[in-house]
Amino acid sequence: MTLSLRIADPSDVPAIVSLVESAYRGEASRAGWTTEADLLDGQRTDADQVSGLLGPGGSVVLLAERDGAPVACCHLEHRGDHAYFGMFAVDPRAQAGGIGRAVLAEAERFARAEWSVSQLRMTVITAREDLIAWYERRGYRRTGEHSPFPYGDERFGIPRRDDLAFETLVKPLGVAAD
């Protein structure tokens, strides 16, 4: 089965929301290893948030499909000398099969080729040591830069713990040759 990647458009919003929710929240997310169900309840994203990421200059959602069905996505935002990587989700039933690595590699390629940025940055919940280790194996490094979890803002979920925070991870990309 061939994996294809493309830039998402507004018609993809419901599928992206469903994909992200299934990868991180609720019982369905437990089929994969990226679940945040023990850390957070509530939503991970919604249609308004995803719609807001589509279309504005310097912001894209990459969508990976296998046989026409969405299996992974990520958001990239151009921020001057770097790109921000977020909303990364792989269908829990398709995890651990290389799809995540392929999408991350395409995100890096896209940011370098389309925006000529020198690095990709992301924030990861510090309690997700397994996920941080996965990114480290792909060349990302911990910066020690921490930011607070947005407690009280249910758009980001309902915390099940009071010690949540984010850490910024960075990977140098080099700049694409003209």
C-alpha atoms as a PDB file:
ATOM      1  CA  MET A   1       0.000   0.000   0.000  1.00  0.00           C
ATOM      2  CA  THR A   2       1.404   3.316  -1.103  1.00  0.00           C
ATOM      3  CA  LEU A   3       1.587   6.319   1.189  1.00  0.00           C
ATOM      4  CA  SER A   4       0.880   9.671  -0.453  1.00  0.00           C
ATOM      5  CA  LEU A   5       1.364  13.074   1.137  1.00  0.00           C
ATOM      6  CA  ARG A   6      -0.306  16.324   0.175  1.00  0.00           C
ATOM      7  CA  ILE A   7      -1.278  19.704   1.572  1.00  0.00           C
ATOM      8  CA  ALA A   8      -4.698  19.484   3.183  1.00  0.00           C
ATOM      9  CA  ASP A   9      -7.584  21.703   2.108  1.00  0.00           C
ATOM     10  CA  PRO A  10     -10.799  22.750   3.886  1.00  0.00           C
ATOM     11  CA  SER A  11     -12.651  19.613   2.762  1.00  0.00           C
ATOM     12  CA  ASP A  12     -10.160  17.568   4.841  1.00  0.00           C
ATOM     13  CA  VAL A  13     -10.974  19.263   8.164  1.00  0.00           C
ATOM     14  CA  PRO A  14     -13.403  16.613   9.531  1.00  0.00           C
ATOM     15  CA  ALA A  15     -10.994  13.770   8.700  1.00  0.00           C
ATOM     16  CA  ILE A  16      -8.061  15.631  10.293  1.00  0.00           C
ATOM     17  CA  VAL A  17     -10.010  16.315  13.494  1.00  0.00           C
ATOM     18  CA  SER A  18     -11.038  12.667  13.695  1.00  0.00           C
ATOM     19  CA  LEU A  19      -7.478  11.490  13.052  1.00  0.00           C
ATOM     20  CA  VAL A  20      -5.956  13.769  15.710  1.00  0.00           C
ATOM     21  CA  GLU A  21      -8.588  12.891  18.295  1.00  0.00           C
ATOM     22  CA  SER A  22      -8.158   9.145  17.666  1.00  0.00           C
ATOM     23  CA  ALA A  23      -4.378   9.359  18.063  1.00  0.00           C
ATOM     24  CA  TYR A  24      -4.396  11.222  21.390  1.00  0.00           C
ATOM     25  CA  ARG A  25      -7.681  10.993  23.266  1.00  0.00           C
ATOM     26  CA  GLY A  26     -10.025   8.340  24.540  1.00  0.00           C
ATOM     27  CA  GLU A  27      -9.949   4.576  24.394  1.00  0.00           C
ATOM     28  CA  ALA A  28      -9.316   4.431  20.622  1.00  0.00           C
ATOM     29  CA  SER A  29      -5.961   6.144  21.195  1.00  0.00           C
ATOM     30  CA  ARG A  30      -4.791   3.290  23.412  1.00  0.00           C
ATOM     31  CA  ALA A  31      -4.380   1.102  20.311  1.00  0.00           C
ATOM     32  CA  GLY A  32      -1.221   3.107  19.558  1.00  0.00           C
ATOM     33  CA  TRP A  33       1.666   4.357  21.641  1.00  0.00           C
ATOM     34  CA  THR A  34       1.047   8.119  21.230  1.00  0.00           C
ATOM     35  CA  THR A  35      -1.987   8.283  23.499  1.00  0.00           C
ATOM     36  CA  GLU A  36      -2.301  11.114  25.975  1.00  0.00           C
ATOM     37  CA  ALA A  37      -5.371   9.501  27.560  1.00  0.00           C
ATOM     38  CA  ASP A  38      -3.598   9.078  30.907  1.00  0.00           C
ATOM     39  CA  LEU A  39      -2.580  12.753  30.910  1.00  0.00           C
ATOM     40  CA  LEU A  40      -5.543  14.578  29.392  1.00  0.00           C
ATOM     41  CA  ASP A  41      -9.261  14.198  28.854  1.00  0.00           C
ATOM     42  CA  GLY A  42     -11.430  16.282  26.561  1.00  0.00           C
ATOM     43  CA  GLN A  43     -10.583  17.383  23.059  1.00  0.00           C
ATOM     44  CA  ARG A  44      -7.193  17.675  21.384  1.00  0.00           C
ATOM     45  CA  THR A  45      -8.475  19.882  18.562  1.00  0.00           C
ATOM     46  CA  ASP A  46     -11.672  20.893  16.799  1.00  0.00           C
ATOM     47  CA  ALA A  47     -12.830  21.958  13.350  1.00  0.00           C
ATOM     48  CA  ASP A  48     -12.344  25.676  14.048  1.00  0.00           C
ATOM     49  CA  GLN A  49      -8.746  25.165  15.194  1.00  0.00           C
ATOM     50  CA  VAL A  50      -7.872  23.002  12.201  1.00  0.00           C
ATOM     51  CA  SER A  51      -9.610  25.361   9.758  1.00  0.00           C
ATOM     52  CA  GLY A  52      -7.553  28.217  11.177  1.00  0.00           C
ATOM     53  CA  LEU A  53      -4.356  26.380  10.221  1.00  0.00           C
ATOM     54  CA  LEU A  54      -5.329  26.042   6.558  1.00  0.00           C
ATOM     55  CA  GLY A  55      -4.808  28.752   4.041  1.00  0.00           C
ATOM     56  CA  PRO A  56      -3.038  31.582   5.818  1.00  0.00           C
ATOM     57  CA  GLY A  57       0.378  32.261   4.323  1.00  0.00           C
ATOM     58  CA  GLY A  58       3.101  30.307   6.018  1.00  0.00           C
ATOM     59  CA  SER A  59       0.851  27.632   7.504  1.00  0.00           C
ATOM     60  CA  VAL A  60       0.046  24.205   6.050  1.00  0.00           C
ATOM     61  CA  VAL A  61      -1.297  20.893   7.231  1.00  0.00           C
ATOM     62  CA  LEU A  62       0.313  17.913   5.542  1.00  0.00           C
ATOM     63  CA  LEU A  63      -1.999  14.933   5.161  1.00  0.00           C
ATOM     64  CA  ALA A  64      -0.772  11.388   4.552  1.00  0.00           C
ATOM     65  CA  GLU A  65      -3.153   8.957   2.904  1.00  0.00           C
ATOM     66  CA  ARG A  66      -2.974   5.267   2.230  1.00  0.00           C
ATOM     67  CA  ASP A  67      -5.335   4.032  -0.462  1.00  0.00           C
ATOM     68  CA  GLY A  68      -7.221   7.336  -0.226  1.00  0.00           C
ATOM     69  CA  ALA A  69      -7.811   7.116   3.535  1.00  0.00           C
ATOM     70  CA  PRO A  70      -6.162   9.611   5.933  1.00  0.00           C
ATOM     71  CA  VAL A  71      -3.569   7.882   8.152  1.00  0.00           C
ATOM     72  CA  ALA A  72      -1.403  10.762   9.426  1.00  0.00           C
ATOM     73  CA  CYS A  73      -1.079  14.532   9.508  1.00  0.00           C
ATOM     74  CA  CYS A  74       1.031  17.374  10.850  1.00  0.00           C
ATOM     75  CA  HIS A  75       0.946  21.152  10.911  1.00  0.00           C
ATOM     76  CA  LEU A  76       3.840  23.343   9.810  1.00  0.00           C
ATOM     77  CA  GLU A  77       4.074  27.074  10.397  1.00  0.00           C
ATOM     78  CA  HIS A  78       6.769  29.334   8.950  1.00  0.00           C
ATOM     79  CA  ARG A  79       8.230  31.488  11.732  1.00  0.00           C
ATOM     80  CA  GLY A  80      11.083  33.442  10.212  1.00  0.00           C
ATOM     81  CA  ASP A  81      14.303  31.445  10.506  1.00  0.00           C
ATOM     82  CA  HIS A  82      12.530  28.269  11.607  1.00  0.00           C
ATOM     83  CA  ALA A  83       9.331  26.313  11.139  1.00  0.00           C
ATOM     84  CA  TYR A  84       7.103  25.095  13.947  1.00  0.00           C
ATOM     85  CA  PHE A  85       5.941  21.466  13.755  1.00  0.00           C
ATOM     86  CA  GLY A  86       2.786  20.411  15.574  1.00  0.00           C
ATOM     87  CA  MET A  87      -0.527  18.568  15.487  1.00  0.00           C
ATOM     88  CA  PHE A  88       1.346  15.417  14.486  1.00  0.00           C
ATOM     89  CA  ALA A  89      -0.938  12.407  14.478  1.00  0.00           C
ATOM     90  CA  VAL A  90      -0.811   8.879  13.108  1.00  0.00           C
ATOM     91  CA  ASP A  91      -3.842   6.604  13.142  1.00  0.00           C
ATOM     92  CA  PRO A  92      -3.296   4.363  16.221  1.00  0.00           C
ATOM     93  CA  ARG A  93      -3.953   1.240  14.141  1.00  0.00           C
ATOM     94  CA  ALA A  94      -1.141   2.227  11.743  1.00  0.00           C
ATOM     95  CA  GLN A  95       1.490   3.257  14.291  1.00  0.00           C
ATOM     96  CA  ALA A  96       4.908   1.601  14.538  1.00  0.00           C
ATOM     97  CA  GLY A  97       4.980   0.935  10.804  1.00  0.00           C
ATOM     98  CA  GLY A  98       7.123   3.822   9.580  1.00  0.00           C
ATOM     99  CA  ILE A  99       4.344   6.253   8.678  1.00  0.00           C
ATOM    100  CA  GLY A 100       5.338   8.713  11.400  1.00  0.00           C
ATOM    101  CA  ARG A 101       8.971   8.682  10.276  1.00  0.00           C
ATOM    102  CA  ALA A 102       7.874   9.298   6.669  1.00  0.00           C
ATOM    103  CA  VAL A 103       5.608  12.210   7.596  1.00  0.00           C
ATOM    104  CA  LEU A 104       8.259  13.791   9.826  1.00  0.00           C
ATOM    105  CA  ALA A 105      10.852  13.466   7.040  1.00  0.00           C
ATOM    106  CA  GLU A 106       8.451  15.095   4.558  1.00  0.00           C
ATOM    107  CA  ALA A 107       7.728  17.920   7.007  1.00  0.00           C
ATOM    108  CA  GLU A 108      11.464  18.554   7.351  1.00  0.00           C
ATOM    109  CA  ARG A 109      11.932  18.441   3.566  1.00  0.00           C
ATOM    110  CA  PHE A 110       8.985  20.775   2.973  1.00  0.00           C
ATOM    111  CA  ALA A 111      10.144  23.333   5.561  1.00  0.00           C
ATOM    112  CA  ARG A 112      13.658  23.347   4.148  1.00  0.00           C
ATOM    113  CA  ALA A 113      12.661  23.402   0.457  1.00  0.00           C
ATOM    114  CA  GLU A 114       9.635  25.719   0.593  1.00  0.00           C
ATOM    115  CA  TRP A 115      10.679  28.144   3.330  1.00  0.00           C
ATOM    116  CA  SER A 116      14.492  27.770   3.413  1.00  0.00           C
ATOM    117  CA  VAL A 117      14.423  27.562   7.194  1.00  0.00           C
ATOM    118  CA  SER A 118      17.425  26.420   9.189  1.00  0.00           C
ATOM    119  CA  GLN A 119      15.571  24.432  11.832  1.00  0.00           C
ATOM    120  CA  LEU A 120      12.358  22.740  12.829  1.00  0.00           C
ATOM    121  CA  ARG A 121      10.998  23.352  16.337  1.00  0.00           C
ATOM    122  CA  MET A 122       8.235  21.709  18.296  1.00  0.00           C
ATOM    123  CA  THR A 123       6.905  21.520  21.824  1.00  0.00           C
ATOM    124  CA  VAL A 124       6.241  18.192  23.533  1.00  0.00           C
ATOM    125  CA  ILE A 125       4.626  17.499  26.904  1.00  0.00           C
ATOM    126  CA  THR A 126       7.555  16.768  29.226  1.00  0.00           C
ATOM    127  CA  ALA A 127       5.764  13.766  30.734  1.00  0.00           C
ATOM    128  CA  ARG A 128       5.931  12.084  27.290  1.00  0.00           C
ATOM    129  CA  GLU A 129       9.470  10.721  27.729  1.00  0.00           C
ATOM    130  CA  ASP A 130       8.834   7.925  25.204  1.00  0.00           C
ATOM    131  CA  LEU A 131       7.794  10.437  22.565  1.00  0.00           C
ATOM    132  CA  ILE A 132      10.719  12.752  23.329  1.00  0.00           C
ATOM    133  CA  ALA A 133      13.081   9.773  22.978  1.00  0.00           C
ATOM    134  CA  TRP A 134      11.497   8.969  19.580  1.00  0.00           C
ATOM    135  CA  TYR A 135      12.229  12.514  18.389  1.00  0.00           C
ATOM    136  CA  GLU A 136      15.761  12.386  19.791  1.00  0.00           C
ATOM    137  CA  ARG A 137      16.422   9.259  17.721  1.00  0.00           C
ATOM    138  CA  ARG A 138      15.453  11.341  14.690  1.00  0.00           C
ATOM    139  CA  GLY A 139      17.952  14.108  15.431  1.00  0.00           C
ATOM    140  CA  TYR A 140      15.942  16.452  17.657  1.00  0.00           C
ATOM    141  CA  ARG A 141      17.508  17.800  20.806  1.00  0.00           C
ATOM    142  CA  ARG A 142      15.985  19.003  24.029  1.00  0.00           C
ATOM    143  CA  THR A 143      16.548  22.711  24.578  1.00  0.00           C
ATOM    144  CA  GLY A 144      15.648  22.973  28.244  1.00  0.00           C
ATOM    145  CA  GLU A 145      13.145  25.695  27.240  1.00  0.00           C
ATOM    146  CA  HIS A 146       9.921  24.972  29.095  1.00  0.00           C
ATOM    147  CA  SER A 147       6.521  26.583  28.780  1.00  0.00           C
ATOM    148  CA  PRO A 148       3.468  26.045  30.943  1.00  0.00           C
ATOM    149  CA  PHE A 149       0.541  23.872  29.946  1.00  0.00           C
ATOM    150  CA  PRO A 150      -2.539  26.075  29.329  1.00  0.00           C
ATOM    151  CA  TYR A 151      -4.473  24.930  32.397  1.00  0.00           C
ATOM    152  CA  GLY A 152      -8.044  26.182  32.349  1.00  0.00           C
ATOM    153  CA  ASP A 153      -8.240  26.342  28.539  1.00  0.00           C
ATOM    154  CA  GLU A 154     -10.262  23.267  27.612  1.00  0.00           C
ATOM    155  CA  ARG A 155      -9.461  23.766  23.912  1.00  0.00           C
ATOM    156  CA  PHE A 156      -6.218  21.926  24.738  1.00  0.00           C
ATOM    157  CA  GLY A 157      -7.775  19.226  26.884  1.00  0.00           C
ATOM    158  CA  ILE A 158      -8.669  18.700  30.518  1.00  0.00           C
ATOM    159  CA  PRO A 159      -5.530  17.805  32.492  1.00  0.00           C
ATOM    160  CA  ARG A 160      -5.554  14.714  34.671  1.00  0.00           C
ATOM    161  CA  ARG A 161      -2.319  15.851  36.387  1.00  0.00           C
ATOM    162  CA  ASP A 162      -1.081  19.131  37.806  1.00  0.00           C
ATOM    163  CA  ASP A 163       2.532  18.825  36.602  1.00  0.00           C
ATOM    164  CA  LEU A 164       2.140  19.207  32.832  1.00  0.00           C
ATOM    165  CA  ALA A 165       4.475  21.466  30.873  1.00  0.00           C
ATOM    166  CA  PHE A 166       5.982  21.639  27.397  1.00  0.00           C
ATOM    167  CA  GLU A 167       9.620  21.452  26.332  1.00  0.00           C
ATOM    168  CA  THR A 168      10.900  22.801  23.036  1.00  0.00           C
ATOM    169  CA  LEU A 169      12.774  20.359  20.804  1.00  0.00           C
ATOM    170  CA  VAL A 170      14.896  21.560  17.879  1.00  0.00           C
ATOM    171  CA  LYS A 171      16.511  19.979  14.828  1.00  0.00           C
ATOM    172  CA  PRO A 172      18.862  21.838  12.489  1.00  0.00           C
ATOM    173  CA  LEU A 173      17.790  21.381   8.870  1.00  0.00           C
ATOM    174  CA  GLY A 174      20.351  23.290   6.877  1.00  0.00           C
ATOM    175  CA  VAL A 175      19.072  25.464   4.063  1.00  0.00           C
ATOM    176  CA  ALA A 176      17.939  24.155   0.719  1.00  0.00           C
ATOM    177  CA  ALA A 177      20.175  25.100  -2.195  1.00  0.00           C
ATOM    178  CA  ASP A 178      18.667  27.330  -4.855  1.00  0.00           C
END
